[in-house]
Amino acid sequence: MDYEFKEKIRKLKERDLVDYLESIGYKPTRIRGNDYWYLSPLRDENSASFKVDRKNNCWFDHGMHIGGNLIDFAIRFHKCTVGEFMKMANENYFLFHQDTAREKKIVETPENKVEIITDRFITRYPLLKYLNERRIDREIASHYCREVTFRIGEKEYYGIGMQNDSGAWEIRNPYMKVASYPKDITTIRNGQDSVNVFEGFFNFLSYETIMKARPELKHDYVILNTLGMFERARPFMESHTHKNLFLDNGKGGDNYTRFALELELGYTDLRALYKNHGDLNDWLQHFGRPPAKSKGLKQ
């Protein structure tokens, strides 16, 4: 490991965690002295249990019982290796630099979190490359999504955005995931008696990519955008006879899938299709295309 690389790691570890979290779209829900509490960026939750100790510049997720420094957080958040994160940092100025004169005051009102500037057809090369890396068909992405330019504080960013039913945006790019307010579900109505349920829109895009060759297999769709929206989505889901659950393979997905099945209202768990992967997009990235036998996806 050369000196320059060690210096970059040292600088990243010294980067203020509160400032870094704000730069990727997360602000604390409450502040108590040096303790900054957040809804966990690493999972879905309704009560803040992710704490940053600003004095010691470290974090701890009480729901997952893990913590560490900025790099420990980043490799979990971005699902990457240290080397891959360092490459991201080389390509993104804000990871290594921060305006020390910037006002530290946190504006906690949700409406001020993300300011949408423009939305347009997806054309930027980094976003097209990102879609390719996630194995998402560009035509599918362009049909449902837009290239969104947005502002957080004084800085502007751009990403791939999909609107929810309230007209706000869920936005993703290779380095951050953010959402404008109000938070809501996203429904796609095709007049069908079956509905497919996804946590995030990249899993929905993955499904559409997989099934692109079978346009005759139509469903309605709901994207929760966070598991906390499950109850909000129930009237729409339960207006359908068949309810196909494509939730993530994790504690949250396990809990909500179990809850839905116990309702005995026609919910079906289809996660066995990607049981060895975190979610449907993770499976798609590994296989690149659906396997020859994909009967479960045809329901």
C-alpha atoms as a PDB file:
ATOM      1  CA  MET A   1       0.000   0.000   0.000  1.00  0.00           C
ATOM      2  CA  ASP A   2       1.704   3.205  -1.164  1.00  0.00           C
ATOM      3  CA  TYR A   3       1.902   6.441   0.810  1.00  0.00           C
ATOM      4  CA  GLU A   4      -0.604   8.311  -1.363  1.00  0.00           C
ATOM      5  CA  PHE A   5      -3.226   5.587  -0.910  1.00  0.00           C
ATOM      6  CA  LYS A   6      -2.667   5.540   2.865  1.00  0.00           C
ATOM      7  CA  GLU A   7      -3.068   9.306   2.963  1.00  0.00           C
ATOM      8  CA  LYS A   8      -6.366   9.118   1.107  1.00  0.00           C
ATOM      9  CA  ILE A   9      -7.648   6.505   3.546  1.00  0.00           C
ATOM     10  CA  ARG A  10      -6.526   8.646   6.483  1.00  0.00           C
ATOM     11  CA  LYS A  11      -8.259  11.724   5.057  1.00  0.00           C
ATOM     12  CA  LEU A  12     -11.462   9.796   4.447  1.00  0.00           C
ATOM     13  CA  LYS A  13     -11.482   8.454   8.003  1.00  0.00           C
ATOM     14  CA  GLU A  14     -11.037  12.013   9.279  1.00  0.00           C
ATOM     15  CA  ARG A  15     -13.881  13.338   7.103  1.00  0.00           C
ATOM     16  CA  ASP A  16     -16.665  14.561   9.383  1.00  0.00           C
ATOM     17  CA  LEU A  17     -19.334  11.846   9.379  1.00  0.00           C
ATOM     18  CA  VAL A  18     -22.208  14.272   9.905  1.00  0.00           C
ATOM     19  CA  ASP A  19     -21.087  16.350   6.932  1.00  0.00           C
ATOM     20  CA  TYR A  20     -20.577  13.228   4.835  1.00  0.00           C
ATOM     21  CA  LEU A  21     -24.038  11.870   5.632  1.00  0.00           C
ATOM     22  CA  GLU A  22     -25.529  15.234   4.714  1.00  0.00           C
ATOM     23  CA  SER A  23     -23.608  15.216   1.426  1.00  0.00           C
ATOM     24  CA  ILE A  24     -25.285  11.933   0.441  1.00  0.00           C
ATOM     25  CA  GLY A  25     -28.719  13.122   1.503  1.00  0.00           C
ATOM     26  CA  TYR A  26     -29.126  12.136   5.176  1.00  0.00           C
ATOM     27  CA  LYS A  27     -29.870  14.535   8.030  1.00  0.00           C
ATOM     28  CA  PRO A  28     -30.380  13.751  11.716  1.00  0.00           C
ATOM     29  CA  THR A  29     -33.843  13.470  13.180  1.00  0.00           C
ATOM     30  CA  ARG A  30     -32.555  14.721  16.537  1.00  0.00           C
ATOM     31  CA  ILE A  31     -29.343  15.998  18.113  1.00  0.00           C
ATOM     32  CA  ARG A  32     -28.315  15.482  21.745  1.00  0.00           C
ATOM     33  CA  GLY A  33     -24.962  17.084  22.484  1.00  0.00           C
ATOM     34  CA  ASN A  34     -22.421  15.239  20.326  1.00  0.00           C
ATOM     35  CA  ASP A  35     -24.876  12.468  19.456  1.00  0.00           C
ATOM     36  CA  TYR A  36     -26.623  12.770  16.076  1.00  0.00           C
ATOM     37  CA  TRP A  37     -29.473  10.306  15.524  1.00  0.00           C
ATOM     38  CA  TYR A  38     -30.625   9.178  12.073  1.00  0.00           C
ATOM     39  CA  LEU A  39     -33.059   6.822  10.448  1.00  0.00           C
ATOM     40  CA  SER A  40     -30.545   4.194   9.410  1.00  0.00           C
ATOM     41  CA  PRO A  41     -29.163   4.647   5.877  1.00  0.00           C
ATOM     42  CA  LEU A  42     -28.332   0.932   5.909  1.00  0.00           C
ATOM     43  CA  ARG A  43     -31.865  -0.411   6.325  1.00  0.00           C
ATOM     44  CA  ASP A  44     -35.508   0.621   6.610  1.00  0.00           C
ATOM     45  CA  GLU A  45     -36.810   1.702   9.999  1.00  0.00           C
ATOM     46  CA  ASN A  46     -39.417   4.018  11.494  1.00  0.00           C
ATOM     47  CA  SER A  47     -37.550   5.063  14.649  1.00  0.00           C
ATOM     48  CA  ALA A  48     -34.027   6.513  14.484  1.00  0.00           C
ATOM     49  CA  SER A  49     -31.449   4.080  15.894  1.00  0.00           C
ATOM     50  CA  PHE A  50     -28.379   5.031  13.861  1.00  0.00           C
ATOM     51  CA  LYS A  51     -26.099   7.250  15.961  1.00  0.00           C
ATOM     52  CA  VAL A  52     -23.068   9.333  15.027  1.00  0.00           C
ATOM     53  CA  ASP A  53     -20.785  10.392  17.859  1.00  0.00           C
ATOM     54  CA  ARG A  54     -19.508  13.610  16.314  1.00  0.00           C
ATOM     55  CA  LYS A  55     -16.829  14.153  18.954  1.00  0.00           C
ATOM     56  CA  ASN A  56     -15.153  10.821  18.191  1.00  0.00           C
ATOM     57  CA  ASN A  57     -16.324  10.785  14.536  1.00  0.00           C
ATOM     58  CA  CYS A  58     -17.744   7.274  14.627  1.00  0.00           C
ATOM     59  CA  TRP A  59     -21.130   5.641  14.049  1.00  0.00           C
ATOM     60  CA  PHE A  60     -23.151   2.799  15.498  1.00  0.00           C
ATOM     61  CA  ASP A  61     -26.321   1.199  14.161  1.00  0.00           C
ATOM     62  CA  HIS A  62     -28.204  -0.110  17.184  1.00  0.00           C
ATOM     63  CA  GLY A  63     -30.541  -2.189  15.028  1.00  0.00           C
ATOM     64  CA  MET A  64     -27.684  -4.045  13.346  1.00  0.00           C
ATOM     65  CA  HIS A  65     -25.241  -3.880  16.289  1.00  0.00           C
ATOM     66  CA  ILE A  66     -22.399  -2.711  14.080  1.00  0.00           C
ATOM     67  CA  GLY A  67     -20.411   0.499  13.776  1.00  0.00           C
ATOM     68  CA  GLY A  68     -17.068   2.042  12.895  1.00  0.00           C
ATOM     69  CA  ASN A  69     -15.520   4.875  10.920  1.00  0.00           C
ATOM     70  CA  LEU A  70     -16.545   6.490   7.643  1.00  0.00           C
ATOM     71  CA  ILE A  71     -14.970   3.806   5.462  1.00  0.00           C
ATOM     72  CA  ASP A  72     -16.660   1.046   7.486  1.00  0.00           C
ATOM     73  CA  PHE A  73     -19.957   2.797   6.818  1.00  0.00           C
ATOM     74  CA  ALA A  74     -19.279   3.520   3.140  1.00  0.00           C
ATOM     75  CA  ILE A  75     -18.444  -0.044   2.117  1.00  0.00           C
ATOM     76  CA  ARG A  76     -21.722  -1.210   3.672  1.00  0.00           C
ATOM     77  CA  PHE A  77     -23.777   1.647   2.261  1.00  0.00           C
ATOM     78  CA  HIS A  78     -22.365   1.325  -1.279  1.00  0.00           C
ATOM     79  CA  LYS A  79     -21.984  -2.485  -1.025  1.00  0.00           C
ATOM     80  CA  CYS A  80     -18.416  -2.307  -2.260  1.00  0.00           C
ATOM     81  CA  THR A  81     -14.828  -3.074  -1.252  1.00  0.00           C
ATOM     82  CA  VAL A  82     -12.417  -0.531   0.210  1.00  0.00           C
ATOM     83  CA  GLY A  83     -10.645  -0.349  -3.136  1.00  0.00           C
ATOM     84  CA  GLU A  84     -13.905   0.254  -4.997  1.00  0.00           C
ATOM     85  CA  PHE A  85     -14.852   2.978  -2.552  1.00  0.00           C
ATOM     86  CA  MET A  86     -11.469   4.649  -3.016  1.00  0.00           C
ATOM     87  CA  LYS A  87     -12.127   4.631  -6.760  1.00  0.00           C
ATOM     88  CA  MET A  88     -15.491   6.285  -6.124  1.00  0.00           C
ATOM     89  CA  ALA A  89     -13.762   8.872  -3.978  1.00  0.00           C
ATOM     90  CA  ASN A  90     -11.257   9.626  -6.731  1.00  0.00           C
ATOM     91  CA  GLU A  91     -14.161  10.320  -9.087  1.00  0.00           C
ATOM     92  CA  ASN A  92     -16.128  12.431  -6.595  1.00  0.00           C
ATOM     93  CA  TYR A  93     -14.574  15.566  -5.259  1.00  0.00           C
ATOM     94  CA  PHE A  94     -16.933  15.971  -2.304  1.00  0.00           C
ATOM     95  CA  LEU A  95     -15.744  12.738  -0.661  1.00  0.00           C
ATOM     96  CA  PHE A  96     -12.278  14.180  -0.054  1.00  0.00           C
ATOM     97  CA  HIS A  97     -13.152  17.851   0.326  1.00  0.00           C
ATOM     98  CA  GLN A  98     -15.498  19.747   2.568  1.00  0.00           C
ATOM     99  CA  ASP A  99     -16.114  23.407   3.106  1.00  0.00           C
ATOM    100  CA  THR A 100     -14.958  23.923   6.686  1.00  0.00           C
ATOM    101  CA  ALA A 101     -16.630  27.326   6.721  1.00  0.00           C
ATOM    102  CA  ARG A 102     -20.011  25.819   5.890  1.00  0.00           C
ATOM    103  CA  GLU A 103     -22.706  26.449   8.457  1.00  0.00           C
ATOM    104  CA  LYS A 104     -23.186  23.388  10.679  1.00  0.00           C
ATOM    105  CA  LYS A 105     -26.831  24.052  11.450  1.00  0.00           C
ATOM    106  CA  ILE A 106     -29.060  21.135  10.430  1.00  0.00           C
ATOM    107  CA  VAL A 107     -32.380  22.010   8.836  1.00  0.00           C
ATOM    108  CA  GLU A 108     -34.600  19.163   9.956  1.00  0.00           C
ATOM    109  CA  THR A 109     -37.773  19.874   7.975  1.00  0.00           C
ATOM    110  CA  PRO A 110     -38.193  17.099   5.360  1.00  0.00           C
ATOM    111  CA  GLU A 111     -39.207  19.566   2.652  1.00  0.00           C
ATOM    112  CA  ASN A 112     -35.704  21.087   2.690  1.00  0.00           C
ATOM    113  CA  LYS A 113     -33.861  17.815   2.290  1.00  0.00           C
ATOM    114  CA  VAL A 114     -33.824  17.538  -1.504  1.00  0.00           C
ATOM    115  CA  GLU A 115     -34.684  20.363  -3.909  1.00  0.00           C
ATOM    116  CA  ILE A 116     -35.541  19.200  -7.424  1.00  0.00           C
ATOM    117  CA  ILE A 117     -34.138  21.472 -10.142  1.00  0.00           C
ATOM    118  CA  THR A 118     -34.915  19.698 -13.433  1.00  0.00           C
ATOM    119  CA  ASP A 119     -35.937  16.339 -14.833  1.00  0.00           C
ATOM    120  CA  ARG A 120     -35.289  15.205 -18.378  1.00  0.00           C
ATOM    121  CA  PHE A 121     -34.602  12.147 -20.555  1.00  0.00           C
ATOM    122  CA  ILE A 122     -31.655  10.085 -19.267  1.00  0.00           C
ATOM    123  CA  THR A 123     -28.587  11.073 -21.307  1.00  0.00           C
ATOM    124  CA  ARG A 124     -25.575  11.502 -19.001  1.00  0.00           C
ATOM    125  CA  TYR A 125     -22.943   8.842 -19.569  1.00  0.00           C
ATOM    126  CA  PRO A 126     -22.309   8.091 -15.845  1.00  0.00           C
ATOM    127  CA  LEU A 127     -26.004   7.295 -15.388  1.00  0.00           C
ATOM    128  CA  LEU A 128     -26.171   5.140 -18.510  1.00  0.00           C
ATOM    129  CA  LYS A 129     -23.051   3.343 -17.308  1.00  0.00           C
ATOM    130  CA  TYR A 130     -24.696   2.884 -13.910  1.00  0.00           C
ATOM    131  CA  LEU A 131     -27.752   1.305 -15.521  1.00  0.00           C
ATOM    132  CA  ASN A 132     -25.476  -1.029 -17.445  1.00  0.00           C
ATOM    133  CA  GLU A 133     -23.626  -2.008 -14.273  1.00  0.00           C
ATOM    134  CA  ARG A 134     -26.938  -2.764 -12.576  1.00  0.00           C
ATOM    135  CA  ARG A 135     -27.984  -4.750 -15.702  1.00  0.00           C
ATOM    136  CA  ILE A 136     -31.060  -2.568 -16.221  1.00  0.00           C
ATOM    137  CA  ASP A 137     -32.371  -2.281 -19.771  1.00  0.00           C
ATOM    138  CA  ARG A 138     -32.001   1.357 -20.878  1.00  0.00           C
ATOM    139  CA  GLU A 139     -35.293   1.381 -22.754  1.00  0.00           C
ATOM    140  CA  ILE A 140     -37.104   0.130 -19.646  1.00  0.00           C
ATOM    141  CA  ALA A 141     -35.369   2.729 -17.451  1.00  0.00           C
ATOM    142  CA  SER A 142     -36.166   5.549 -19.889  1.00  0.00           C
ATOM    143  CA  HIS A 143     -39.820   4.542 -19.985  1.00  0.00           C
ATOM    144  CA  TYR A 144     -40.317   4.742 -16.214  1.00  0.00           C
ATOM    145  CA  CYS A 145     -37.550   7.075 -15.018  1.00  0.00           C
ATOM    146  CA  ARG A 146     -36.017  10.488 -15.635  1.00  0.00           C
ATOM    147  CA  GLU A 147     -32.620  12.096 -15.199  1.00  0.00           C
ATOM    148  CA  VAL A 148     -33.138  14.348 -12.175  1.00  0.00           C
ATOM    149  CA  THR A 149     -30.901  17.251 -11.170  1.00  0.00           C
ATOM    150  CA  PHE A 150     -31.310  18.169  -7.518  1.00  0.00           C
ATOM    151  CA  ARG A 151     -29.783  20.328  -4.832  1.00  0.00           C
ATOM    152  CA  ILE A 152     -28.834  19.455  -1.248  1.00  0.00           C
ATOM    153  CA  GLY A 153     -27.740  22.572   0.596  1.00  0.00           C
ATOM    154  CA  GLU A 154     -25.532  24.513  -1.786  1.00  0.00           C
ATOM    155  CA  LYS A 155     -24.440  21.519  -3.873  1.00  0.00           C
ATOM    156  CA  GLU A 156     -26.041  20.105  -7.004  1.00  0.00           C
ATOM    157  CA  TYR A 157     -26.155  16.447  -7.986  1.00  0.00           C
ATOM    158  CA  TYR A 158     -27.939  14.312 -10.539  1.00  0.00           C
ATOM    159  CA  GLY A 159     -29.335  10.807 -10.607  1.00  0.00           C
ATOM    160  CA  ILE A 160     -31.950   8.447 -11.988  1.00  0.00           C
ATOM    161  CA  GLY A 161     -35.331   9.320 -10.541  1.00  0.00           C
ATOM    162  CA  MET A 162     -38.748   7.701 -10.414  1.00  0.00           C
ATOM    163  CA  GLN A 163     -41.782   9.580  -9.140  1.00  0.00           C
ATOM    164  CA  ASN A 164     -44.065   8.374  -6.392  1.00  0.00           C
ATOM    165  CA  ASP A 165     -47.835   8.815  -6.279  1.00  0.00           C
ATOM    166  CA  SER A 166     -47.469  12.223  -4.606  1.00  0.00           C
ATOM    167  CA  GLY A 167     -45.215  13.542  -7.373  1.00  0.00           C
ATOM    168  CA  ALA A 168     -42.005  13.418  -5.310  1.00  0.00           C
ATOM    169  CA  TRP A 169     -38.883  11.588  -6.471  1.00  0.00           C
ATOM    170  CA  GLU A 170     -36.866   8.543  -5.445  1.00  0.00           C
ATOM    171  CA  ILE A 171     -33.368   9.156  -6.822  1.00  0.00           C
ATOM    172  CA  ARG A 172     -30.346   6.879  -7.248  1.00  0.00           C
ATOM    173  CA  ASN A 173     -26.857   7.300  -8.649  1.00  0.00           C
ATOM    174  CA  PRO A 174     -23.690   5.234  -8.083  1.00  0.00           C
ATOM    175  CA  TYR A 175     -22.848   7.120  -4.890  1.00  0.00           C
ATOM    176  CA  MET A 176     -26.082   8.034  -3.129  1.00  0.00           C
ATOM    177  CA  LYS A 177     -29.757   7.318  -2.759  1.00  0.00           C
ATOM    178  CA  VAL A 178     -32.049  10.158  -1.772  1.00  0.00           C
ATOM    179  CA  ALA A 179     -35.711  11.066  -1.916  1.00  0.00           C
ATOM    180  CA  SER A 180     -37.664  14.283  -2.121  1.00  0.00           C
ATOM    181  CA  TYR A 181     -40.773  14.804  -0.042  1.00  0.00           C
ATOM    182  CA  PRO A 182     -43.492  13.817   0.511  1.00  0.00           C
ATOM    183  CA  LYS A 183     -42.576  10.156   0.821  1.00  0.00           C
ATOM    184  CA  ASP A 184     -45.125   7.865  -0.812  1.00  0.00           C
ATOM    185  CA  ILE A 185     -45.602   4.602  -2.676  1.00  0.00           C
ATOM    186  CA  THR A 186     -45.441   4.327  -6.474  1.00  0.00           C
ATOM    187  CA  THR A 187     -48.267   2.460  -8.170  1.00  0.00           C
ATOM    188  CA  ILE A 188     -48.467   1.386 -11.811  1.00  0.00           C
ATOM    189  CA  ARG A 189     -51.968   0.422 -12.838  1.00  0.00           C
ATOM    190  CA  ASN A 190     -52.591  -1.818 -15.833  1.00  0.00           C
ATOM    191  CA  GLY A 191     -56.096  -2.955 -14.913  1.00  0.00           C
ATOM    192  CA  GLN A 192     -54.885  -6.392 -13.838  1.00  0.00           C
ATOM    193  CA  ASP A 193     -56.085  -8.728 -11.087  1.00  0.00           C
ATOM    194  CA  SER A 194     -52.533  -9.421  -9.875  1.00  0.00           C
ATOM    195  CA  VAL A 195     -50.052  -7.020  -8.324  1.00  0.00           C
ATOM    196  CA  ASN A 196     -46.282  -7.378  -7.957  1.00  0.00           C
ATOM    197  CA  VAL A 197     -44.788  -5.709  -4.878  1.00  0.00           C
ATOM    198  CA  PHE A 198     -41.214  -4.338  -4.684  1.00  0.00           C
ATOM    199  CA  GLU A 199     -39.286  -2.424  -2.019  1.00  0.00           C
ATOM    200  CA  GLY A 200     -37.327  -0.178  -4.374  1.00  0.00           C
ATOM    201  CA  PHE A 201     -37.645   0.917  -7.973  1.00  0.00           C
ATOM    202  CA  PHE A 202     -34.416  -0.750  -9.130  1.00  0.00           C
ATOM    203  CA  ASN A 203     -35.952  -4.103  -8.237  1.00  0.00           C
ATOM    204  CA  PHE A 204     -39.030  -3.164 -10.245  1.00  0.00           C
ATOM    205  CA  LEU A 205     -36.801  -2.157 -13.184  1.00  0.00           C
ATOM    206  CA  SER A 206     -34.980  -5.475 -12.789  1.00  0.00           C
ATOM    207  CA  TYR A 207     -38.256  -7.375 -13.053  1.00  0.00           C
ATOM    208  CA  GLU A 208     -39.259  -5.418 -16.152  1.00  0.00           C
ATOM    209  CA  THR A 209     -35.828  -6.066 -17.681  1.00  0.00           C
ATOM    210  CA  ILE A 210     -36.128  -9.800 -17.010  1.00  0.00           C
ATOM    211  CA  MET A 211     -39.639  -9.968 -18.440  1.00  0.00           C
ATOM    212  CA  LYS A 212     -39.102  -7.647 -21.402  1.00  0.00           C
ATOM    213  CA  ALA A 213     -39.407 -10.542 -23.828  1.00  0.00           C
ATOM    214  CA  ARG A 214     -42.799 -11.489 -22.365  1.00  0.00           C
ATOM    215  CA  PRO A 215     -44.927  -8.321 -22.709  1.00  0.00           C
ATOM    216  CA  GLU A 216     -48.115 -10.383 -22.691  1.00  0.00           C
ATOM    217  CA  LEU A 217     -47.568 -11.205 -18.983  1.00  0.00           C
ATOM    218  CA  LYS A 218     -49.073  -8.100 -17.428  1.00  0.00           C
ATOM    219  CA  HIS A 219     -49.530  -7.112 -13.797  1.00  0.00           C
ATOM    220  CA  ASP A 220     -50.195  -4.061 -11.713  1.00  0.00           C
ATOM    221  CA  TYR A 221     -47.227  -2.912  -9.639  1.00  0.00           C
ATOM    222  CA  VAL A 222     -46.518  -1.160  -6.377  1.00  0.00           C
ATOM    223  CA  ILE A 223     -43.107   0.076  -5.264  1.00  0.00           C
ATOM    224  CA  LEU A 224     -43.077   0.702  -1.515  1.00  0.00           C
ATOM    225  CA  ASN A 225     -39.993   2.989  -1.608  1.00  0.00           C
ATOM    226  CA  THR A 226     -39.553   2.031   2.046  1.00  0.00           C
ATOM    227  CA  LEU A 227     -40.962  -0.887   4.029  1.00  0.00           C
ATOM    228  CA  GLY A 228     -42.576   1.647   6.348  1.00  0.00           C
ATOM    229  CA  MET A 229     -45.074   2.307   3.534  1.00  0.00           C
ATOM    230  CA  PHE A 230     -46.426  -1.262   3.581  1.00  0.00           C
ATOM    231  CA  GLU A 231     -49.605  -0.322   5.453  1.00  0.00           C
ATOM    232  CA  ARG A 232     -50.177   2.607   3.124  1.00  0.00           C
ATOM    233  CA  ALA A 233     -49.960   0.247   0.161  1.00  0.00           C
ATOM    234  CA  ARG A 234     -52.320  -2.380   1.561  1.00  0.00           C
ATOM    235  CA  PRO A 235     -55.590  -0.982   0.138  1.00  0.00           C
ATOM    236  CA  PHE A 236     -54.087  -1.010  -3.359  1.00  0.00           C
ATOM    237  CA  MET A 237     -52.460  -4.422  -2.933  1.00  0.00           C
ATOM    238  CA  GLU A 238     -55.540  -5.992  -1.387  1.00  0.00           C
ATOM    239  CA  SER A 239     -57.787  -4.769  -4.194  1.00  0.00           C
ATOM    240  CA  HIS A 240     -56.092  -7.517  -6.231  1.00  0.00           C
ATOM    241  CA  THR A 241     -56.739 -11.252  -6.038  1.00  0.00           C
ATOM    242  CA  HIS A 242     -53.077 -12.209  -6.427  1.00  0.00           C
ATOM    243  CA  LYS A 243     -50.348 -10.329  -4.536  1.00  0.00           C
ATOM    244  CA  ASN A 244     -46.777 -11.325  -5.452  1.00  0.00           C
ATOM    245  CA  LEU A 245     -44.116 -10.210  -2.978  1.00  0.00           C
ATOM    246  CA  PHE A 246     -40.617  -9.515  -4.291  1.00  0.00           C
ATOM    247  CA  LEU A 247     -39.206  -7.985  -1.094  1.00  0.00           C
ATOM    248  CA  ASP A 248     -35.517  -7.963  -0.152  1.00  0.00           C
ATOM    249  CA  ASN A 249     -33.809 -10.896   1.536  1.00  0.00           C
ATOM    250  CA  GLY A 250     -33.080  -9.274   4.871  1.00  0.00           C
ATOM    251  CA  LYS A 251     -34.585  -8.804   8.307  1.00  0.00           C
ATOM    252  CA  GLY A 252     -37.046  -6.158   7.144  1.00  0.00           C
ATOM    253  CA  GLY A 253     -38.127  -8.133   4.094  1.00  0.00           C
ATOM    254  CA  ASP A 254     -38.442 -11.275   6.213  1.00  0.00           C
ATOM    255  CA  ASN A 255     -40.631  -9.534   8.786  1.00  0.00           C
ATOM    256  CA  TYR A 256     -43.003  -7.891   6.323  1.00  0.00           C
ATOM    257  CA  THR A 257     -43.269 -11.007   4.172  1.00  0.00           C
ATOM    258  CA  ARG A 258     -44.144 -13.062   7.247  1.00  0.00           C
ATOM    259  CA  PHE A 259     -46.695 -10.454   8.293  1.00  0.00           C
ATOM    260  CA  ALA A 260     -48.303 -10.421   4.843  1.00  0.00           C
ATOM    261  CA  LEU A 261     -48.532 -14.215   4.656  1.00  0.00           C
ATOM    262  CA  GLU A 262     -50.137 -14.368   8.098  1.00  0.00           C
ATOM    263  CA  LEU A 263     -52.915 -12.075   6.848  1.00  0.00           C
ATOM    264  CA  GLU A 264     -54.103 -14.967   4.629  1.00  0.00           C
ATOM    265  CA  LEU A 265     -55.296 -12.534   1.980  1.00  0.00           C
ATOM    266  CA  GLY A 266     -53.643 -14.053  -1.059  1.00  0.00           C
ATOM    267  CA  TYR A 267     -50.060 -12.833  -0.650  1.00  0.00           C
ATOM    268  CA  THR A 268     -47.337 -15.031  -2.179  1.00  0.00           C
ATOM    269  CA  ASP A 269     -43.634 -14.905  -1.315  1.00  0.00           C
ATOM    270  CA  LEU A 270     -41.569 -15.179  -4.514  1.00  0.00           C
ATOM    271  CA  ARG A 271     -38.150 -14.509  -2.974  1.00  0.00           C
ATOM    272  CA  ALA A 272     -37.063 -18.107  -3.525  1.00  0.00           C
ATOM    273  CA  LEU A 273     -36.229 -16.981  -7.067  1.00  0.00           C
ATOM    274  CA  TYR A 274     -33.292 -14.991  -5.657  1.00  0.00           C
ATOM    275  CA  LYS A 275     -32.858 -16.661  -2.268  1.00  0.00           C
ATOM    276  CA  ASN A 276     -29.055 -16.522  -2.344  1.00  0.00           C
ATOM    277  CA  HIS A 277     -28.958 -12.798  -3.156  1.00  0.00           C
ATOM    278  CA  GLY A 278     -29.868  -9.613  -1.331  1.00  0.00           C
ATOM    279  CA  ASP A 279     -32.639  -8.642  -3.729  1.00  0.00           C
ATOM    280  CA  LEU A 280     -33.845  -9.149  -7.287  1.00  0.00           C
ATOM    281  CA  ASN A 281     -31.384  -6.653  -8.753  1.00  0.00           C
ATOM    282  CA  ASP A 282     -28.494  -8.319  -6.948  1.00  0.00           C
ATOM    283  CA  TRP A 283     -29.564 -11.598  -8.567  1.00  0.00           C
ATOM    284  CA  LEU A 284     -29.855  -9.932 -11.976  1.00  0.00           C
ATOM    285  CA  GLN A 285     -26.365  -8.439 -11.688  1.00  0.00           C
ATOM    286  CA  HIS A 286     -24.921 -11.896 -11.087  1.00  0.00           C
ATOM    287  CA  PHE A 287     -26.809 -13.660 -13.879  1.00  0.00           C
ATOM    288  CA  GLY A 288     -27.217 -10.837 -16.390  1.00  0.00           C
ATOM    289  CA  ARG A 289     -30.372 -12.421 -17.770  1.00  0.00           C
ATOM    290  CA  PRO A 290     -33.099 -14.724 -16.437  1.00  0.00           C
ATOM    291  CA  PRO A 291     -32.317 -18.440 -16.260  1.00  0.00           C
ATOM    292  CA  ALA A 292     -34.091 -20.808 -18.617  1.00  0.00           C
ATOM    293  CA  LYS A 293     -36.541 -21.822 -15.891  1.00  0.00           C
ATOM    294  CA  SER A 294     -38.250 -18.774 -14.429  1.00  0.00           C
ATOM    295  CA  LYS A 295     -41.808 -19.988 -13.906  1.00  0.00           C
ATOM    296  CA  GLY A 296     -42.151 -18.100 -10.662  1.00  0.00           C
ATOM    297  CA  LEU A 297     -41.678 -14.815 -12.466  1.00  0.00           C
ATOM    298  CA  LYS A 298     -44.544 -15.613 -14.824  1.00  0.00           C
ATOM    299  CA  GLN A 299     -47.226 -15.615 -12.160  1.00  0.00           C
END
